N, C-alpha and C. Protein backbone atom coordinates (compact mmCIF):
# COMPACT_ATOMS: atom_id res chain seq x y z
N MET A 1 69.28 93.22 103.07
CA MET A 1 70.34 92.69 103.55
C MET A 1 70.10 93.61 105.38
N SER A 2 70.45 92.67 106.36
CA SER A 2 71.03 93.50 107.44
C SER A 2 71.78 94.50 107.54
N PRO A 3 71.96 95.13 108.86
CA PRO A 3 72.57 96.58 108.94
C PRO A 3 73.96 96.01 109.25
N THR A 4 75.23 97.10 108.45
CA THR A 4 76.28 96.39 108.36
C THR A 4 77.08 97.61 108.98
N ARG A 5 77.91 96.97 110.21
CA ARG A 5 78.81 98.79 110.89
C ARG A 5 79.94 98.83 109.69
N ILE A 6 80.11 99.69 109.67
CA ILE A 6 81.15 99.84 109.24
C ILE A 6 82.38 100.83 110.35
N LYS A 7 83.27 100.15 110.40
CA LYS A 7 84.20 101.29 111.36
C LYS A 7 85.07 102.70 110.30
N GLY A 8 85.32 103.57 110.92
CA GLY A 8 86.26 104.73 110.32
C GLY A 8 87.42 103.93 110.35
N SER A 9 88.28 103.01 110.96
CA SER A 9 89.71 102.95 110.64
C SER A 9 89.29 101.62 109.39
N GLU A 10 88.53 101.20 108.87
CA GLU A 10 88.29 99.98 107.80
C GLU A 10 88.92 100.73 106.18
N HIS A 11 89.47 99.67 106.14
CA HIS A 11 90.59 99.97 104.77
C HIS A 11 90.82 98.51 103.55
N GLY A 12 90.42 98.69 102.52
CA GLY A 12 90.62 97.71 101.44
C GLY A 12 89.22 96.68 101.64
N VAL A 13 88.41 97.31 101.86
CA VAL A 13 87.22 96.55 101.25
C VAL A 13 86.31 96.53 100.60
N VAL A 14 85.75 96.11 99.65
CA VAL A 14 85.14 96.30 98.52
C VAL A 14 83.82 95.63 98.38
N ARG A 15 82.95 96.16 98.64
CA ARG A 15 81.27 95.69 98.59
C ARG A 15 80.72 95.48 97.18
N LEU A 16 80.08 94.44 96.69
CA LEU A 16 79.78 94.67 95.59
C LEU A 16 77.80 94.50 95.68
N PHE A 17 77.23 95.49 95.13
CA PHE A 17 75.81 95.24 94.82
C PHE A 17 75.10 95.17 93.99
N ALA A 18 74.15 94.02 93.18
CA ALA A 18 73.80 94.33 91.78
C ALA A 18 72.32 95.60 92.46
N VAL A 19 72.24 95.79 90.66
CA VAL A 19 70.92 96.90 91.33
C VAL A 19 69.85 96.55 90.17
N ASP A 20 68.83 96.22 91.09
CA ASP A 20 67.95 95.26 90.26
C ASP A 20 66.70 96.68 89.86
N LEU A 21 67.11 97.29 88.89
CA LEU A 21 66.10 97.99 88.02
C LEU A 21 65.97 97.42 86.76
N PRO A 22 65.04 98.47 86.27
CA PRO A 22 64.90 98.18 84.42
C PRO A 22 66.22 98.99 84.16
N PRO A 23 66.51 98.64 82.78
CA PRO A 23 67.77 99.73 82.23
C PRO A 23 67.21 101.45 82.03
N GLU A 24 66.46 101.97 81.95
CA GLU A 24 65.66 103.45 82.01
C GLU A 24 66.06 103.48 83.46
N GLU A 25 65.23 102.96 84.21
CA GLU A 25 65.35 103.55 86.00
C GLU A 25 67.08 103.48 85.93
N ALA A 26 67.00 102.30 85.79
CA ALA A 26 69.03 102.13 86.44
C ALA A 26 69.71 103.38 85.93
N ARG A 27 69.56 103.88 84.93
CA ARG A 27 70.72 104.87 84.08
C ARG A 27 69.92 106.43 85.10
N ARG A 28 69.15 106.61 85.53
CA ARG A 28 68.76 107.79 86.55
C ARG A 28 69.31 107.63 87.93
N PHE A 29 69.52 105.87 88.52
CA PHE A 29 69.48 105.92 89.68
C PHE A 29 70.66 106.57 90.67
N ASP A 30 71.62 106.98 89.96
CA ASP A 30 73.23 107.80 90.69
C ASP A 30 72.70 109.36 90.38
N GLN A 31 71.95 109.65 89.95
CA GLN A 31 71.69 110.82 90.02
C GLN A 31 72.01 111.67 91.52
N ARG A 32 72.64 112.56 91.21
CA ARG A 32 72.55 113.27 93.09
C ARG A 32 72.23 114.31 92.82
N ASN A 33 70.34 114.47 92.43
CA ASN A 33 69.72 115.95 92.21
C ASN A 33 68.91 116.21 93.64
N GLY A 34 69.73 116.20 94.65
CA GLY A 34 69.06 116.49 96.10
C GLY A 34 68.85 115.35 96.81
N THR A 35 68.63 114.36 96.87
CA THR A 35 68.22 113.18 97.44
C THR A 35 68.85 111.99 97.03
N TRP A 36 69.94 112.00 95.70
CA TRP A 36 70.78 111.19 95.53
C TRP A 36 70.13 109.47 95.53
N PRO A 37 68.96 109.23 95.18
CA PRO A 37 69.10 107.30 95.40
C PRO A 37 69.85 106.04 95.72
N LEU A 38 70.59 106.54 95.06
CA LEU A 38 72.03 105.46 95.36
C LEU A 38 72.42 105.09 96.56
N ARG A 39 72.44 106.81 97.33
CA ARG A 39 72.66 106.64 99.17
C ARG A 39 71.68 106.15 99.90
N ALA A 40 70.42 106.89 99.24
CA ALA A 40 69.61 106.17 100.27
C ALA A 40 69.03 104.75 100.52
N SER A 41 69.07 104.21 99.13
CA SER A 41 69.22 102.88 98.94
C SER A 41 70.40 102.06 99.41
N LEU A 42 71.82 102.23 99.58
CA LEU A 42 72.55 102.30 100.35
C LEU A 42 72.03 102.36 101.69
N GLY A 43 71.37 103.72 102.45
CA GLY A 43 71.42 103.76 103.86
C GLY A 43 72.96 104.32 104.33
N ALA A 44 73.50 104.99 103.87
CA ALA A 44 74.55 105.65 104.15
C ALA A 44 74.26 106.67 104.72
N ASP A 45 74.92 107.06 105.87
CA ASP A 45 74.41 108.63 106.62
C ASP A 45 75.36 109.73 105.52
N TRP A 46 76.59 108.93 104.72
CA TRP A 46 77.72 110.10 104.64
C TRP A 46 78.33 109.34 103.22
N LEU A 47 78.77 109.49 102.21
CA LEU A 47 79.39 108.72 101.09
C LEU A 47 80.03 110.04 100.27
N ASP A 48 81.38 109.53 100.18
CA ASP A 48 82.09 109.54 99.22
C ASP A 48 82.21 109.40 97.55
N PRO A 49 81.38 109.84 96.63
CA PRO A 49 81.02 109.61 95.23
C PRO A 49 82.40 109.38 94.54
N ASP A 50 83.81 109.47 94.82
CA ASP A 50 84.85 109.27 93.92
C ASP A 50 85.03 107.95 94.44
N HIS A 51 84.70 107.14 95.29
CA HIS A 51 85.04 106.18 95.95
C HIS A 51 83.94 104.69 95.59
N LEU A 52 83.21 105.57 94.66
CA LEU A 52 82.28 104.50 94.30
C LEU A 52 82.03 104.22 93.02
N VAL A 53 81.65 103.16 92.50
CA VAL A 53 81.88 102.59 91.05
C VAL A 53 80.13 101.86 90.66
N TYR A 54 79.58 103.09 89.70
CA TYR A 54 78.43 102.39 89.01
C TYR A 54 78.06 102.31 88.27
N PHE A 55 77.93 100.96 87.51
CA PHE A 55 77.99 100.97 85.64
C PHE A 55 77.14 99.37 85.62
N ASP A 56 76.93 99.92 83.98
CA ASP A 56 76.34 99.14 83.14
C ASP A 56 77.37 97.75 83.38
N ILE A 57 76.70 96.36 83.78
CA ILE A 57 77.96 95.22 83.41
C ILE A 57 78.17 95.08 81.84
N GLY A 58 77.49 95.34 81.07
CA GLY A 58 77.83 95.27 79.58
C GLY A 58 78.71 95.76 79.26
N ASP A 59 78.95 97.17 79.80
CA ASP A 59 80.09 97.90 79.71
C ASP A 59 81.09 97.57 79.80
N LEU A 60 81.69 96.06 80.71
CA LEU A 60 82.82 95.08 80.77
C LEU A 60 83.17 94.53 79.37
N GLU A 61 82.27 94.44 78.46
CA GLU A 61 82.59 93.32 77.52
C GLU A 61 83.62 93.18 76.95
N GLY A 62 84.32 91.62 77.17
CA GLY A 62 85.78 91.26 76.88
C GLY A 62 86.52 91.42 78.06
N VAL A 63 86.20 91.81 79.31
CA VAL A 63 86.87 92.05 80.34
C VAL A 63 85.93 90.88 80.98
N GLY A 64 84.72 91.43 81.49
CA GLY A 64 84.10 90.37 82.17
C GLY A 64 84.00 91.31 83.86
N LEU A 65 83.16 90.68 84.95
CA LEU A 65 83.07 91.45 86.18
C LEU A 65 84.19 90.69 86.73
N THR A 66 84.39 89.52 86.70
CA THR A 66 85.48 88.95 87.52
C THR A 66 86.58 89.88 87.52
N ASP A 67 87.41 89.14 85.69
CA ASP A 67 88.26 90.23 86.02
C ASP A 67 88.65 91.54 86.24
N TYR A 68 87.56 92.63 86.41
CA TYR A 68 87.15 93.92 86.44
C TYR A 68 87.49 94.11 88.32
N LEU A 69 87.11 93.17 88.75
CA LEU A 69 87.37 92.92 90.27
C LEU A 69 88.69 92.78 90.53
N THR A 70 89.61 92.00 89.77
CA THR A 70 90.60 90.90 89.81
C THR A 70 91.92 92.50 89.49
N GLU A 71 91.54 92.98 88.36
CA GLU A 71 92.59 94.00 87.43
C GLU A 71 92.36 95.57 88.23
N GLY A 72 91.02 95.89 88.57
CA GLY A 72 90.90 97.23 88.73
C GLY A 72 90.42 97.44 90.07
N HIS A 73 90.20 96.27 91.23
CA HIS A 73 90.19 96.85 93.06
C HIS A 73 91.45 95.46 93.32
N GLY A 74 91.70 94.93 92.74
CA GLY A 74 92.89 93.92 93.42
C GLY A 74 92.20 93.10 94.32
N ILE A 75 91.43 92.58 93.83
CA ILE A 75 90.70 91.10 94.32
C ILE A 75 91.25 89.73 93.80
N SER A 76 91.71 89.32 94.65
CA SER A 76 92.83 88.14 94.59
C SER A 76 91.64 87.18 93.67
N VAL A 77 92.27 86.40 92.70
CA VAL A 77 92.05 85.43 91.92
C VAL A 77 91.30 84.20 92.84
N GLU A 78 91.81 83.90 93.86
CA GLU A 78 92.05 83.04 95.35
C GLU A 78 89.82 83.28 95.27
N GLU A 79 90.09 84.38 95.73
CA GLU A 79 88.63 84.97 97.16
C GLU A 79 87.60 85.31 96.02
N LEU A 80 87.80 85.42 94.44
CA LEU A 80 87.00 85.21 93.47
C LEU A 80 86.77 83.64 92.78
N ALA A 81 87.39 82.91 93.05
CA ALA A 81 87.46 81.73 92.60
C ALA A 81 85.68 80.94 92.77
N PRO A 82 85.01 80.67 94.25
CA PRO A 82 84.22 80.14 94.51
C PRO A 82 82.81 80.99 93.69
N LEU A 83 83.01 82.82 93.39
CA LEU A 83 82.11 83.16 92.93
C LEU A 83 82.26 82.97 91.30
N ARG A 84 82.85 82.99 90.91
CA ARG A 84 83.45 83.44 89.51
C ARG A 84 82.10 83.01 88.78
N GLN A 85 81.76 82.01 88.65
CA GLN A 85 80.16 82.01 87.86
C GLN A 85 78.91 82.68 88.15
N MET A 86 78.73 83.12 89.16
CA MET A 86 77.65 83.95 89.76
C MET A 86 78.18 85.33 88.80
N LEU A 87 79.56 85.47 89.13
CA LEU A 87 79.88 86.84 88.86
C LEU A 87 79.82 87.19 87.16
N ASP A 88 80.03 86.56 86.48
CA ASP A 88 80.22 85.94 85.02
C ASP A 88 78.65 85.61 84.62
N GLN A 89 77.76 85.74 85.59
CA GLN A 89 76.60 85.45 84.92
C GLN A 89 75.65 87.05 85.01
N MET A 90 76.07 88.08 86.01
CA MET A 90 75.38 89.03 86.01
C MET A 90 75.35 89.65 85.22
N THR A 91 74.08 90.35 85.01
CA THR A 91 74.03 91.54 84.12
C THR A 91 73.03 92.65 84.48
N GLY A 92 73.06 93.54 84.00
CA GLY A 92 72.13 95.12 84.19
C GLY A 92 73.16 95.66 84.93
N HIS A 93 72.99 96.27 85.70
CA HIS A 93 73.88 97.39 86.45
C HIS A 93 74.88 96.95 87.76
N ALA A 94 75.77 97.54 88.42
CA ALA A 94 76.50 97.64 89.54
C ALA A 94 76.74 98.25 90.59
N LEU A 95 77.09 98.00 91.29
CA LEU A 95 77.74 98.83 92.66
C LEU A 95 78.59 98.65 92.96
N ILE A 96 79.80 99.01 93.05
CA ILE A 96 81.25 98.57 93.68
C ILE A 96 81.43 100.00 95.07
N VAL A 97 81.55 99.54 96.24
CA VAL A 97 81.32 100.44 97.41
C VAL A 97 82.85 100.05 97.91
N THR A 98 84.02 101.30 97.62
CA THR A 98 85.15 100.82 97.94
C THR A 98 85.40 101.39 99.61
N SER A 99 85.86 101.17 100.86
CA SER A 99 85.80 101.33 101.80
C SER A 99 86.57 102.88 101.98
N GLN A 100 86.86 103.65 101.41
CA GLN A 100 86.91 104.73 101.08
C GLN A 100 85.97 105.79 101.31
N ALA A 101 85.04 105.04 100.49
CA ALA A 101 83.34 105.77 100.38
C ALA A 101 82.95 106.38 101.41
N PHE A 102 83.50 105.86 102.33
CA PHE A 102 82.67 105.97 104.06
C PHE A 102 83.35 107.16 104.62
N GLY A 103 84.75 107.31 103.93
CA GLY A 103 85.48 108.58 104.18
C GLY A 103 86.00 108.52 105.61
N GLY A 104 86.32 107.54 106.23
CA GLY A 104 87.18 107.19 107.47
C GLY A 104 86.15 107.36 108.74
N ARG A 105 84.55 107.26 108.74
CA ARG A 105 83.64 107.96 109.89
C ARG A 105 83.03 106.82 110.13
N ASP A 106 82.73 106.44 111.26
CA ASP A 106 82.31 105.36 111.49
C ASP A 106 80.63 105.46 111.08
N GLN A 107 79.63 104.45 110.72
CA GLN A 107 78.24 104.61 110.50
C GLN A 107 78.10 103.40 110.02
N THR A 108 76.53 103.02 110.26
CA THR A 108 76.29 102.13 110.19
C THR A 108 75.19 102.04 108.56
N ILE A 109 75.34 101.11 107.76
CA ILE A 109 74.73 101.22 106.14
C ILE A 109 73.65 100.26 106.43
N THR A 110 72.35 100.24 105.78
CA THR A 110 71.31 99.09 106.13
C THR A 110 71.07 99.27 104.24
N PRO A 111 71.69 98.70 103.67
CA PRO A 111 71.17 98.27 102.19
C PRO A 111 69.81 97.80 101.81
N ARG A 112 69.11 98.64 101.30
CA ARG A 112 67.86 98.24 100.22
C ARG A 112 67.59 97.83 98.80
N ALA A 113 66.18 98.04 98.90
CA ALA A 113 65.87 97.52 97.54
C ALA A 113 66.03 98.96 96.66
N PRO A 114 66.54 99.04 95.71
CA PRO A 114 67.42 97.88 95.02
C PRO A 114 68.33 97.42 94.87
N LEU A 115 69.00 97.94 95.89
CA LEU A 115 71.00 97.54 96.03
C LEU A 115 70.07 95.77 96.55
N ARG A 116 71.42 95.01 95.97
CA ARG A 116 71.06 93.81 96.55
C ARG A 116 72.64 93.04 96.93
N HIS A 117 72.82 92.95 98.24
CA HIS A 117 74.27 92.89 98.27
C HIS A 117 74.78 91.44 97.39
N VAL A 118 75.78 91.31 96.95
CA VAL A 118 76.30 90.14 96.03
C VAL A 118 77.37 89.94 96.65
N ALA A 119 78.64 90.41 97.32
CA ALA A 119 79.91 90.00 98.03
C ALA A 119 80.41 91.03 98.55
N THR A 120 80.53 90.58 99.45
CA THR A 120 82.00 91.64 100.28
C THR A 120 83.28 90.74 100.66
N LEU A 121 84.03 91.51 99.53
CA LEU A 121 85.76 91.34 99.17
C LEU A 121 86.47 92.02 99.99
N HIS A 122 87.92 91.81 99.67
CA HIS A 122 88.99 92.13 100.31
C HIS A 122 90.27 92.66 99.20
N GLU A 123 90.86 93.52 98.86
CA GLU A 123 92.04 93.66 98.14
C GLU A 123 93.38 93.04 99.02
N ASP A 124 93.87 92.53 97.43
CA ASP A 124 94.83 91.97 98.22
C ASP A 124 95.93 92.59 98.10
N ARG A 125 96.39 92.43 99.04
CA ARG A 125 97.96 93.92 99.22
C ARG A 125 98.65 92.82 100.17
N PRO A 126 99.90 93.11 99.44
CA PRO A 126 100.84 92.23 99.83
C PRO A 126 101.30 92.94 101.51
N PRO A 127 101.43 91.78 102.21
CA PRO A 127 102.08 92.29 103.50
C PRO A 127 103.14 93.56 103.30
N VAL A 128 103.00 94.30 104.63
CA VAL A 128 104.16 95.58 104.75
C VAL A 128 104.76 94.71 105.70
N ILE A 129 106.41 95.16 104.89
CA ILE A 129 107.50 94.29 105.16
C ILE A 129 108.51 95.67 106.38
N PHE A 130 108.84 95.74 107.54
CA PHE A 130 109.60 96.89 107.83
C PHE A 130 110.89 96.48 108.18
N GLU A 131 112.30 96.74 107.79
CA GLU A 131 113.51 96.11 108.16
C GLU A 131 114.02 96.99 108.85
N HIS A 132 114.53 96.28 109.69
CA HIS A 132 115.76 97.20 110.40
C HIS A 132 116.61 98.49 109.74
N LEU A 133 116.76 99.76 110.15
CA LEU A 133 117.49 100.92 109.20
C LEU A 133 118.21 101.20 110.85
N PRO A 134 119.10 101.47 110.68
CA PRO A 134 119.94 101.77 111.78
C PRO A 134 120.14 103.24 111.32
N SER A 135 120.03 103.89 113.03
CA SER A 135 119.53 105.37 112.96
C SER A 135 121.54 105.61 112.75
N ASP A 136 121.30 107.02 112.08
CA ASP A 136 122.78 107.51 112.47
C ASP A 136 123.88 107.79 113.13
N ALA A 137 123.02 107.49 114.73
CA ALA A 137 123.47 107.64 116.05
C ALA A 137 124.16 105.94 116.42
N ALA A 138 124.01 105.09 115.60
CA ALA A 138 124.16 103.78 115.86
C ALA A 138 125.17 103.39 114.85
N THR A 139 125.19 104.33 113.75
CA THR A 139 126.20 103.47 112.72
C THR A 139 127.88 104.96 112.88
N HIS A 140 127.46 105.95 113.72
CA HIS A 140 128.41 106.93 113.95
C HIS A 140 127.98 107.25 114.77
N PRO A 141 128.27 106.48 116.17
CA PRO A 141 128.60 107.46 117.19
C PRO A 141 129.68 108.36 117.07
N GLY A 142 128.34 109.19 118.46
CA GLY A 142 128.88 110.78 118.72
C GLY A 142 128.43 111.81 117.40
N SER A 143 127.56 111.00 116.20
CA SER A 143 126.99 111.71 115.48
C SER A 143 125.74 111.34 115.25
N ALA A 144 124.89 112.43 116.31
CA ALA A 144 123.54 112.21 116.30
C ALA A 144 122.63 113.00 115.10
N SER A 145 123.61 114.10 114.53
CA SER A 145 122.96 114.60 113.56
C SER A 145 122.99 113.90 112.16
N GLY A 146 123.89 113.27 111.72
CA GLY A 146 124.94 112.71 111.12
C GLY A 146 125.24 113.04 109.66
N ALA A 147 125.68 114.46 110.29
CA ALA A 147 126.84 115.33 109.32
C ALA A 147 127.67 115.04 108.47
N ASP A 148 128.38 114.10 109.41
CA ASP A 148 129.43 113.89 108.57
C ASP A 148 129.46 112.14 108.53
N HIS A 149 128.48 111.81 107.98
CA HIS A 149 128.66 110.26 107.58
C HIS A 149 128.46 110.24 106.07
N GLU A 150 128.83 109.02 105.63
CA GLU A 150 129.50 109.23 103.95
C GLU A 150 128.04 108.20 103.39
N THR A 151 128.37 109.07 102.08
CA THR A 151 126.97 108.15 101.19
C THR A 151 126.87 106.81 101.26
N THR A 152 125.52 106.41 101.40
CA THR A 152 125.89 105.01 101.62
C THR A 152 125.11 104.31 99.96
N PRO A 153 124.76 103.35 100.22
CA PRO A 153 124.32 102.67 98.93
C PRO A 153 122.64 103.19 98.63
N LEU A 154 122.01 103.49 99.60
CA LEU A 154 120.31 103.76 100.12
C LEU A 154 120.35 105.59 99.11
N THR A 155 121.74 106.03 99.83
CA THR A 155 121.42 107.00 99.46
C THR A 155 121.86 107.29 98.17
N LYS A 156 123.00 106.59 97.50
CA LYS A 156 123.21 106.49 95.77
C LYS A 156 122.48 106.48 95.09
N GLY A 157 121.54 105.17 95.26
CA GLY A 157 120.19 104.86 94.44
C GLY A 157 119.22 105.93 94.60
N ARG A 158 119.17 106.79 95.40
CA ARG A 158 117.76 107.42 95.89
C ARG A 158 118.46 109.02 94.51
N ASN A 159 120.21 109.06 94.82
CA ASN A 159 120.37 110.03 94.61
C ASN A 159 120.37 110.34 92.42
N ARG A 160 120.53 108.31 92.28
CA ARG A 160 120.90 108.51 90.97
C ARG A 160 119.38 108.39 90.60
N ARG A 161 118.03 108.29 91.03
CA ARG A 161 116.79 108.16 90.41
C ARG A 161 116.70 109.56 90.91
N MET A 162 116.82 110.40 91.64
CA MET A 162 116.32 112.00 91.43
C MET A 162 117.64 112.51 90.21
N ALA A 163 118.16 112.19 90.16
CA ALA A 163 119.01 112.77 88.96
C ALA A 163 118.03 112.25 87.45
N LEU A 164 117.75 110.74 87.49
CA LEU A 164 117.04 110.73 86.49
C LEU A 164 115.90 111.30 85.89
N VAL A 165 115.02 111.39 87.26
CA VAL A 165 113.81 111.66 87.18
C VAL A 165 113.96 113.49 86.43
N LEU A 166 115.18 114.14 86.78
CA LEU A 166 115.52 115.53 86.91
C LEU A 166 115.39 115.81 85.21
N LEU A 167 116.43 114.44 84.97
CA LEU A 167 117.17 114.77 83.40
C LEU A 167 116.07 114.44 82.69
N GLY A 168 114.97 113.25 83.06
CA GLY A 168 113.86 112.68 82.15
C GLY A 168 112.76 114.30 82.08
N LEU A 169 112.35 115.32 83.49
CA LEU A 169 111.96 116.65 83.08
C LEU A 169 112.06 117.39 82.39
N LEU A 170 113.75 117.54 82.55
CA LEU A 170 114.52 118.80 81.72
C LEU A 170 114.28 118.30 79.84
N LEU A 171 114.32 116.85 79.57
CA LEU A 171 114.39 116.27 77.99
C LEU A 171 112.70 116.48 77.93
N ALA A 172 111.79 116.32 78.79
CA ALA A 172 110.31 116.83 78.26
C ALA A 172 109.94 118.09 78.26
N ALA A 173 111.02 119.01 78.81
CA ALA A 173 110.34 120.46 78.52
C ALA A 173 111.21 120.80 76.91
N LEU A 174 112.31 120.31 77.28
CA LEU A 174 113.18 120.71 75.78
C LEU A 174 112.41 120.32 74.61
N ILE A 175 111.48 119.05 74.72
CA ILE A 175 110.56 118.39 73.17
C ILE A 175 109.42 119.85 73.53
N LEU A 176 108.96 119.82 74.56
CA LEU A 176 107.87 121.16 74.75
C LEU A 176 107.91 121.95 73.44
N VAL A 177 109.39 122.43 74.49
CA VAL A 177 109.84 123.95 73.42
C VAL A 177 110.16 123.47 72.25
N ALA A 178 110.49 122.58 72.09
CA ALA A 178 110.48 123.00 70.39
C ALA A 178 108.98 122.34 69.61
N MET A 179 108.63 121.77 70.31
CA MET A 179 107.46 121.83 69.65
C MET A 179 106.34 122.83 69.50
N LEU A 180 106.43 123.78 70.40
CA LEU A 180 105.86 124.75 70.81
C LEU A 180 106.65 126.59 70.12
N THR A 181 107.94 125.68 69.31
CA THR A 181 108.53 126.92 68.51
C THR A 181 109.00 126.85 67.03
């Protein structure tokens, strides 16, 4: 695979690699014993192992790689549709590298054997919609601090949720005390 430039601002990208190694070697590929062969094969300067998923595809029995990518990584069914047959036929080990694995650092990766790039996918995130929220000064002229404003439905809902959370915590504490006594 040719070098790939990773921007520090990258978000929501999921890279899938096949790991072309015999089973015994594949089990040792992710060992971090000073050299960490996985990182060396990815050609990365820096990686956060908490944002890598290295696994035996056979462990997904009953789920399958396509459904795992959809349910576990938020990849849309539409994006995976043209890849479904290939993904469902994959065996052996695989590596999933998310954008967070690069820690917000600009770098260039140059994957090499035993890694084989399969797909670069994108998390299916709903668009962020910002609603116009009036400021206290706009709703209560002359009161920039908002100290004399009335309770709005938004704050009533927030207060109700907070009361339910506190009630739940109190109930959990009572159950815990009852169990311990």
